[in-house]
Protein backbone atom coordinates (compact mmCIF):
# COMPACT_ATOMS: atom_id res chain seq x y z
CA UNK A 1 -36.85 45.82 -12.23
CA UNK A 2 -37.51 42.29 -13.40
CA UNK A 3 -33.79 41.60 -13.75
CA UNK A 4 -33.19 42.75 -10.26
CA UNK A 5 -35.91 40.58 -8.90
CA UNK A 6 -34.71 37.53 -10.87
CA UNK A 7 -31.18 38.00 -9.42
CA UNK A 8 -32.59 38.40 -5.89
CA UNK A 9 -34.73 35.16 -6.03
CA UNK A 10 -32.26 33.14 -8.08
CA UNK A 11 -31.20 29.99 -6.23
CA UNK A 12 -27.41 29.98 -5.51
CA UNK A 13 -25.45 26.88 -6.14
CA UNK A 14 -21.90 25.92 -5.32
CA UNK A 15 -19.78 24.81 -8.13
CA UNK A 16 -16.01 24.68 -9.10
CA UNK A 17 -15.13 26.50 -12.27
CA UNK A 18 -12.04 24.40 -12.67
CA UNK A 19 -14.09 21.18 -12.40
CA UNK A 20 -15.97 22.13 -15.53
CA UNK A 21 -12.75 22.20 -17.43
CA UNK A 22 -11.84 18.72 -16.18
CA UNK A 23 -15.26 17.41 -17.27
CA UNK A 24 -14.74 18.86 -20.76
CA UNK A 25 -11.28 17.36 -21.06
CA UNK A 26 -12.60 13.90 -20.00
CA UNK A 27 -15.60 14.05 -22.28
CA UNK A 28 -17.72 12.24 -19.68
CA UNK A 29 -16.01 8.99 -20.48
CA UNK A 30 -15.49 6.34 -17.83
CA UNK A 31 -12.00 6.67 -16.29
CA UNK A 32 -10.42 3.23 -15.53
CA UNK A 33 -8.11 2.64 -12.61
CA UNK A 34 -4.54 2.52 -14.01
CA UNK A 35 -3.61 -0.98 -15.12
CA UNK A 36 -0.42 -1.00 -13.13
CA UNK A 37 -2.24 -2.40 -10.11
CA UNK A 38 -1.91 -6.05 -11.17
CA UNK A 39 1.80 -5.65 -11.88
CA UNK A 40 2.33 -3.81 -8.59
CA UNK A 41 0.37 -6.52 -6.66
CA UNK A 42 2.35 -9.26 -8.36
CA UNK A 43 5.89 -7.86 -8.49
CA UNK A 44 5.67 -5.67 -5.29
CA UNK A 45 3.43 -7.37 -2.78
CA UNK A 46 3.63 -11.01 -3.89
CA UNK A 47 7.27 -11.29 -4.91
CA UNK A 48 9.19 -8.68 -2.88
CA UNK A 49 9.62 -9.42 0.81
CA UNK A 50 10.44 -5.82 1.67
CA UNK A 51 7.37 -4.29 0.05
CA UNK A 52 5.24 -7.13 1.37
CA UNK A 53 6.37 -6.50 4.94
CA UNK A 54 5.85 -2.75 4.63
CA UNK A 55 2.21 -3.18 3.37
CA UNK A 56 1.36 -5.73 6.06
CA UNK A 57 3.08 -3.73 8.88
CA UNK A 58 1.14 -0.57 8.11
CA UNK A 59 -2.21 -2.32 7.26
CA UNK A 60 -2.14 -4.49 10.40
CA UNK A 61 -1.05 -1.66 12.66
CA UNK A 62 -3.71 0.77 11.31
CA UNK A 63 -6.39 -1.81 11.63
CA UNK A 64 -5.40 -2.37 15.27
CA UNK A 65 -6.03 1.27 16.07
CA UNK A 66 -9.64 1.31 17.34
CA UNK A 67 -12.24 3.55 15.59
CA UNK A 68 -14.73 4.96 18.16
CA UNK A 69 -18.04 6.51 17.02
CA UNK A 70 -19.05 9.48 19.15
CA UNK A 71 -22.38 11.36 19.56
CA UNK A 72 -22.04 14.80 21.02
CA UNK A 73 -18.45 13.99 21.96
CA UNK A 74 -19.40 10.84 23.84
CA UNK A 75 -19.58 7.15 23.07
CA UNK A 76 -23.01 5.62 23.42
CA UNK A 77 -23.98 2.01 24.04
CA UNK A 78 -25.79 0.32 21.19
CA UNK A 79 -24.81 2.90 18.59
CA UNK A 80 -25.54 1.70 15.04
CA UNK A 81 -22.20 2.97 13.73
CA UNK A 82 -20.32 1.07 16.44
CA UNK A 83 -22.13 -2.12 15.58
CA UNK A 84 -21.46 -1.59 11.84
CA UNK A 85 -17.77 -1.10 12.41
CA UNK A 86 -17.38 -4.02 14.76
CA UNK A 87 -19.20 -6.54 12.54
CA UNK A 88 -19.30 -5.10 8.98
CA UNK A 89 -20.34 -8.29 7.23
CA UNK A 90 -20.83 -12.04 7.93
CA UNK A 91 -17.43 -12.96 6.57
CA UNK A 92 -15.10 -10.34 8.20
CA UNK A 93 -14.57 -8.64 11.45
CA UNK A 94 -14.04 -4.88 11.73
CA UNK A 95 -10.30 -5.32 11.91
CA UNK A 96 -10.18 -7.64 8.86
CA UNK A 97 -12.20 -5.22 6.77
CA UNK A 98 -9.93 -2.30 7.70
CA UNK A 99 -6.83 -4.30 6.98
CA UNK A 100 -8.09 -4.97 3.47
CA UNK A 101 -8.97 -1.25 3.22
CA UNK A 102 -5.47 -0.12 4.31
CA UNK A 103 -3.78 -2.72 2.27
CA UNK A 104 -5.48 -1.61 -0.93
CA UNK A 105 -4.49 2.01 -0.17
CA UNK A 106 -0.80 0.99 0.09
CA UNK A 107 -0.81 -1.12 -3.07
CA UNK A 108 -3.24 0.75 -5.43
CA UNK A 109 -3.48 4.10 -3.84
CA UNK A 110 -7.29 3.67 -3.91
CA UNK A 111 -9.63 1.86 -1.60
CA UNK A 112 -13.42 1.38 -1.96
CA UNK A 113 -15.99 0.46 0.74
CA UNK A 114 -19.48 -0.51 -0.28
CA UNK A 115 -22.50 0.05 2.08
CA UNK A 116 -25.39 -2.39 1.82
CA UNK A 117 -28.64 -0.94 3.09
CA UNK A 118 -32.17 -2.19 3.66
CA UNK A 119 -34.96 0.42 3.82
CA UNK A 120 -32.50 3.14 4.02
CA UNK A 121 -30.72 1.65 7.07
CA UNK A 122 -27.03 0.57 6.70
CA UNK A 123 -26.47 -3.08 7.41
CA UNK A 124 -23.13 -4.23 6.06
CA UNK A 125 -19.89 -2.93 4.71
CA UNK A 126 -17.71 -4.58 2.06
CA UNK A 127 -14.16 -3.82 0.69
CA UNK A 128 -14.02 -3.81 -3.09
CA UNK A 129 -11.03 -4.53 -5.19
CA UNK A 130 -9.67 -1.30 -6.70
CA UNK A 131 -8.70 -2.81 -10.04
CA UNK A 132 -12.40 -3.68 -10.74
CA UNK A 133 -13.64 -0.19 -10.07
CA UNK A 134 -13.97 2.76 -12.42
CA UNK A 135 -15.18 6.26 -11.69
CA UNK A 136 -18.04 7.74 -13.80
CA UNK A 137 -17.50 11.50 -13.82
CA UNK A 138 -20.45 13.87 -14.08
CA UNK A 139 -20.89 17.09 -16.03
CA UNK A 140 -19.05 19.16 -13.41
CA UNK A 141 -16.18 16.73 -13.10
CA UNK A 142 -17.17 15.29 -9.73
CA UNK A 143 -17.85 11.55 -9.65
CA UNK A 144 -21.58 10.81 -10.19
CA UNK A 145 -21.13 7.09 -9.59
CA UNK A 146 -18.90 3.98 -9.92
CA UNK A 147 -18.94 0.71 -11.83
CA UNK A 148 -17.75 -2.59 -10.45
CA UNK A 149 -16.98 -5.18 -13.15
CA UNK A 150 -16.13 -8.86 -12.55
CA UNK A 151 -16.83 -12.02 -14.43
CA UNK A 152 -18.48 -10.21 -17.26
CA UNK A 153 -21.04 -8.52 -15.04
CA UNK A 154 -21.13 -4.90 -14.01
CA UNK A 155 -22.72 -3.33 -10.85
CA UNK A 156 -23.58 0.41 -10.93
CA UNK A 157 -23.40 2.62 -7.87
CA UNK A 158 -25.00 6.07 -8.08
CA UNK A 159 -24.57 8.96 -5.60
CA UNK A 160 -27.68 10.70 -4.41
CA UNK A 161 -26.85 14.45 -4.53
CA UNK A 162 -30.00 15.52 -2.84
CA UNK A 163 -29.52 13.49 0.36
CA UNK A 164 -25.77 13.27 0.19
CA UNK A 165 -25.97 9.48 0.52
CA UNK A 166 -23.48 7.42 -1.40
CA UNK A 167 -23.29 3.63 -1.51
CA UNK A 168 -19.50 3.74 -2.13
CA UNK A 169 -16.73 5.36 -0.12
CA UNK A 170 -13.66 6.06 -2.43
CA UNK A 171 -10.53 6.90 -0.51
CA UNK A 172 -7.49 7.81 -2.49
CA UNK A 173 -3.93 8.96 -1.71
CA UNK A 174 -2.63 12.14 -3.21
CA UNK A 175 -1.83 12.03 -6.85
CA UNK A 176 -0.56 15.22 -8.53
CA UNK A 177 -1.34 14.07 -12.10
CA UNK A 178 -4.74 12.37 -11.74
CA UNK A 179 -8.15 13.92 -10.94
CA UNK A 180 -9.89 10.69 -9.90
CA UNK A 181 -7.39 8.14 -8.69
CA UNK A 182 -4.63 8.09 -6.04
CA UNK A 183 -0.97 7.16 -6.17
CA UNK A 184 0.31 4.41 -3.86
CA UNK A 185 3.67 4.24 -2.03
CA UNK A 186 4.30 1.00 -3.94
CA UNK A 187 4.03 2.87 -7.22
CA UNK A 188 6.57 5.33 -6.09
CA UNK A 189 8.86 2.52 -5.01
CA UNK A 190 8.32 0.52 -8.20
CA UNK A 191 11.82 1.19 -9.56
CA UNK A 192 13.50 0.17 -6.28
CA UNK A 193 11.27 -2.99 -6.24
CA UNK A 194 12.51 -3.87 -9.75
CA UNK A 195 16.12 -3.41 -8.73
CA UNK A 196 15.64 -5.57 -5.59
CA UNK A 197 13.90 -8.29 -7.47
CA UNK A 198 16.39 -8.27 -10.24
CA UNK A 199 19.15 -8.58 -7.71
CA UNK A 200 17.43 -11.63 -6.14
CA UNK A 201 17.01 -13.15 -9.57
CA UNK A 202 20.73 -12.61 -10.28
CA UNK A 203 21.77 -14.15 -6.93
CA UNK A 204 19.45 -17.19 -7.63
CA UNK A 205 20.93 -17.73 -11.04
CA UNK A 206 24.37 -17.50 -9.54
CA UNK A 207 23.61 -20.30 -7.01
CA UNK A 208 22.01 -22.37 -9.80
CA UNK A 209 25.46 -22.23 -11.56
CA UNK A 210 27.59 -23.69 -8.77
CA UNK A 211 27.54 -20.43 -6.77
CA UNK A 212 30.26 -18.93 -8.91
CA UNK A 213 30.37 -17.08 -12.31
CA UNK A 214 30.62 -19.08 -15.40
CA UNK A 215 33.87 -19.88 -16.98
CA UNK A 216 35.12 -20.84 -20.44
CA UNK A 217 36.25 -24.19 -21.78
CA UNK A 218 39.26 -23.52 -24.06
CA UNK A 219 40.07 -26.06 -26.70
CA UNK A 220 43.85 -26.01 -27.32
CA UNK A 221 44.19 -27.69 -30.69
CA UNK A 222 47.35 -29.65 -31.15
CA UNK A 223 49.25 -29.67 -34.46
CA UNK A 224 47.21 -31.38 -37.07
CA UNK A 225 43.88 -31.09 -35.14
CA UNK A 226 41.04 -28.74 -36.14
CA UNK A 227 38.03 -27.48 -34.35
CA UNK A 228 35.62 -29.53 -32.28
CA UNK A 229 33.01 -31.28 -34.36
CA UNK A 230 29.28 -30.61 -33.98
CA UNK A 231 28.73 -33.90 -32.12
CA UNK A 232 31.68 -33.20 -29.80
CA UNK A 233 30.47 -29.72 -28.98
CA UNK A 234 26.87 -30.92 -28.34
CA UNK A 235 28.01 -33.80 -26.14
CA UNK A 236 30.33 -31.53 -24.14
CA UNK A 237 27.56 -28.97 -23.56
CA UNK A 238 25.07 -31.59 -22.43
CA UNK A 239 27.57 -33.11 -19.96
CA UNK A 240 28.36 -29.71 -18.41
CA UNK A 241 24.62 -28.97 -18.07
CA UNK A 242 23.72 -32.37 -16.54
CA UNK A 243 26.78 -33.04 -14.26
CA UNK A 244 28.18 -29.60 -13.28
CA UNK A 245 25.38 -27.02 -13.33
CA UNK A 246 23.14 -26.36 -10.36
CA UNK A 247 23.48 -26.20 -6.58
CA UNK A 248 23.50 -29.97 -6.33
CA UNK A 249 26.59 -30.27 -8.40
CA UNK A 250 28.59 -27.49 -6.71
CA UNK A 251 32.14 -28.49 -6.09
CA UNK A 252 32.07 -31.56 -8.38
CA UNK A 253 35.46 -31.91 -10.11
CA UNK A 254 35.56 -31.41 -13.83
CA UNK A 255 37.53 -34.04 -15.80
CA UNK A 256 38.97 -32.63 -18.91
CA UNK A 257 40.53 -34.40 -21.90
CA UNK A 258 41.51 -33.86 -25.47
CA UNK A 259 43.23 -30.57 -25.01
CA UNK A 260 40.46 -28.84 -23.06
CA UNK A 261 41.35 -26.28 -20.43
CA UNK A 262 39.00 -24.51 -17.97
CA UNK A 263 39.35 -20.80 -17.53
CA UNK A 264 37.17 -19.38 -14.69
CA UNK A 265 35.83 -15.89 -15.03
CA UNK A 266 36.09 -13.59 -12.01
CA UNK A 267 33.47 -11.09 -11.12
CA UNK A 268 34.22 -7.40 -11.58
CA UNK A 269 33.81 -4.92 -8.60
CA UNK A 270 30.69 -3.62 -10.22
CA UNK A 271 29.19 -7.11 -10.31
CA UNK A 272 30.16 -7.70 -6.64
CA UNK A 273 28.37 -4.48 -5.64
CA UNK A 274 24.94 -6.00 -6.33
CA UNK A 275 24.47 -6.86 -2.65
CA UNK A 276 24.97 -3.16 -1.72
CA UNK A 277 22.57 -2.21 -4.48
CA UNK A 278 19.83 -4.55 -3.17
CA UNK A 279 20.32 -3.06 0.31
CA UNK A 280 19.92 0.46 -0.90
CA UNK A 281 16.87 -0.60 -2.94
CA UNK A 282 15.32 -2.13 0.15
CA UNK A 283 15.95 1.12 2.14
CA UNK A 284 14.34 3.08 -0.67
CA UNK A 285 11.23 0.82 -0.60
CA UNK A 286 10.96 1.38 3.17
CA UNK A 287 11.42 5.12 2.71
CA UNK A 288 8.51 5.20 0.21
CA UNK A 289 6.20 3.55 2.75
CA UNK A 290 7.51 5.51 5.71
CA UNK A 291 8.60 2.43 7.56
CA UNK A 292 11.88 2.80 9.59
CA UNK A 293 14.41 0.36 8.04
CA UNK A 294 15.36 -0.89 11.52
CA UNK A 295 11.85 -2.53 11.81
CA UNK A 296 12.56 -4.51 8.63
CA UNK A 297 16.02 -5.79 9.84
CA UNK A 298 17.93 -3.87 7.17
CA UNK A 299 21.54 -3.45 8.21
CA UNK A 300 23.42 -0.13 8.30
CA UNK A 301 20.59 2.04 9.74
CA UNK A 302 21.48 3.99 12.76
CA UNK A 303 18.74 6.73 12.53
CA UNK A 304 16.97 5.38 15.58
CA UNK A 305 18.64 4.58 18.86
CA UNK A 306 16.46 1.51 19.56
CA UNK A 307 13.72 -0.57 18.10
CA UNK A 308 11.07 1.00 20.44
CA UNK A 309 11.86 4.50 19.16
CA UNK A 310 11.62 3.28 15.51
CA UNK A 311 8.24 1.74 16.29
CA UNK A 312 6.94 4.95 17.77
CA UNK A 313 8.11 6.76 14.61
CA UNK A 314 6.16 4.28 12.46
CA UNK A 315 2.97 4.95 14.35
CA UNK A 316 3.39 8.67 14.48
CA UNK A 317 4.57 9.27 10.85
CA UNK A 318 2.67 6.53 8.94
CA UNK A 319 -0.01 4.63 10.84
CA UNK A 320 -1.85 7.30 12.77
CA UNK A 321 -2.16 9.78 9.92
CA UNK A 322 -3.65 7.04 7.79
CA UNK A 323 -6.08 6.01 10.57
CA UNK A 324 -7.13 9.57 11.23
CA UNK A 325 -7.69 10.13 7.57
CA UNK A 326 -9.96 7.08 7.32
CA UNK A 327 -11.90 8.06 10.48
CA UNK A 328 -12.65 11.54 8.98
CA UNK A 329 -13.66 9.96 5.63
CA UNK A 330 -15.91 7.43 7.33
CA UNK A 331 -17.52 10.24 9.32
CA UNK A 332 -18.38 12.29 6.31
CA UNK A 333 -19.58 9.21 4.40
CA UNK A 334 -21.82 7.78 7.16
CA UNK A 335 -23.37 11.06 8.50
CA UNK A 336 -26.11 11.17 5.80
CA UNK A 337 -27.00 7.66 6.73
CA UNK A 338 -26.62 7.60 10.52
CA UNK A 339 -27.07 11.25 11.66
CA UNK A 340 -25.20 14.48 11.41
CA UNK A 341 -24.06 14.27 15.03
CA UNK A 342 -21.85 11.27 14.21
CA UNK A 343 -18.07 11.66 14.70
CA UNK A 344 -15.66 8.75 14.27
CA UNK A 345 -12.26 9.14 15.89
CA UNK A 346 -9.19 7.06 16.57
CA UNK A 347 -8.81 5.96 20.14
CA UNK A 348 -5.10 6.68 20.41
CA UNK A 349 -5.22 6.00 24.19
CA UNK A 350 -5.70 2.33 23.33
CA UNK A 351 -2.56 2.02 21.21
CA UNK A 352 0.13 0.10 23.27
CA UNK A 353 2.99 1.45 21.13
CA UNK A 354 2.31 4.96 22.41
CA UNK A 355 2.09 4.07 26.06
CA UNK A 356 5.36 5.77 26.96
CA UNK A 357 4.49 8.97 25.32
CA UNK A 358 1.03 8.82 26.94
CA UNK A 359 2.54 8.36 30.38
CA UNK A 360 5.03 11.24 29.89
CA UNK A 361 2.16 13.51 28.82
CA UNK A 362 0.02 12.57 31.76
CA UNK A 363 2.89 13.21 34.16
CA UNK A 364 3.78 16.52 32.58
CA UNK A 365 0.19 17.83 32.60
CA UNK A 366 -0.58 16.40 36.06
CA UNK A 367 2.48 18.32 37.50
CA UNK A 368 1.25 21.65 36.05
CA UNK A 369 -0.02 23.31 39.20
CA UNK A 370 -1.33 26.37 37.37
CA UNK A 371 -4.03 24.30 35.64
CA UNK A 372 -7.35 23.28 37.19
CA UNK A 373 -8.61 19.75 37.29
CA UNK A 374 -11.05 20.58 34.50
CA UNK A 375 -8.37 22.02 32.32
CA UNK A 376 -6.16 18.97 32.84
CA UNK A 377 -9.00 16.66 31.93
CA UNK A 378 -9.69 18.66 28.73
CA UNK A 379 -5.96 18.55 27.79
CA UNK A 380 -5.82 14.81 28.31
CA UNK A 381 -9.10 14.21 26.52
CA UNK A 382 -10.83 12.74 29.64
CA UNK A 383 -14.52 13.40 29.80
CA UNK A 384 -16.28 13.68 33.13
């Protein structure tokens, strides 16, 4: 009887059985963001023009898609969420904050937003660098908090399980082999970035050496003469470096004496193919980010009939899914702070790149005589 009563009055809690195994495997130790971020940021974003353009293209486009807070399906004047998203902090506008957020997602696969509150009321939002953050997993494997370390100091952020309020929003892209951190498109394109950068370095070295492959100076010793002396060899090498190497000395005639003969070395077909290899690497980088190569000016791409069609594909396949995912994450994060009726959506009607699709949809629905005006408004998302 007592056992039955205890089971009846026992409080039910939701928990994942698999997460317990994750917690045991981690041993409740801090899990650091993978250290490849600095290398990816340096070699990919800072030194590779294709990856740099892909990140900026997606981040700037997604930040330009307006996020609209709704209450009961309607936008309200003076809404606290709208004010927070429009002016998140004294140093950034809403678009600038979101551009940082999307950029971190593309480079690191992780992005963090910090909410600063006064008296339980959200006041400001800040984007935090992913390489300075680490997740602190709890006993059940879910993150209990985060640590932000910089300059020898560490700030701790704890999640309040009772109220559901969290001072940090951690967004991550899907990673099949990591429980706490995401995988960025730049990480998937890292090999192609290396190939593209190596090809650029090779071309630069070729230009620095008179824009042609190196050759060989052959000393044809005459009868009774031996090899070049150490002084002759050193002087000859110094003269070649000073007077005939580099782009400024390209085409300068080489005066030979004393039985010296210049034998130029031709490039093999494999060496000549490095240009094609760089183009394929650039296309592979664009593929990882979901950016149509036509938008990057890469030759040889005929997938899209025109630039406008490629731009629409970028928005539909890369930008809008990222903006929608961010809107849903912001909704779940801010609801415990700003009310359960809050819903943040992407105002796709305000995106100029989709104006043609929007006009075609309006014309198609408007011509449907079997629909009532109310049904047409509902399909078009127009609220009376």
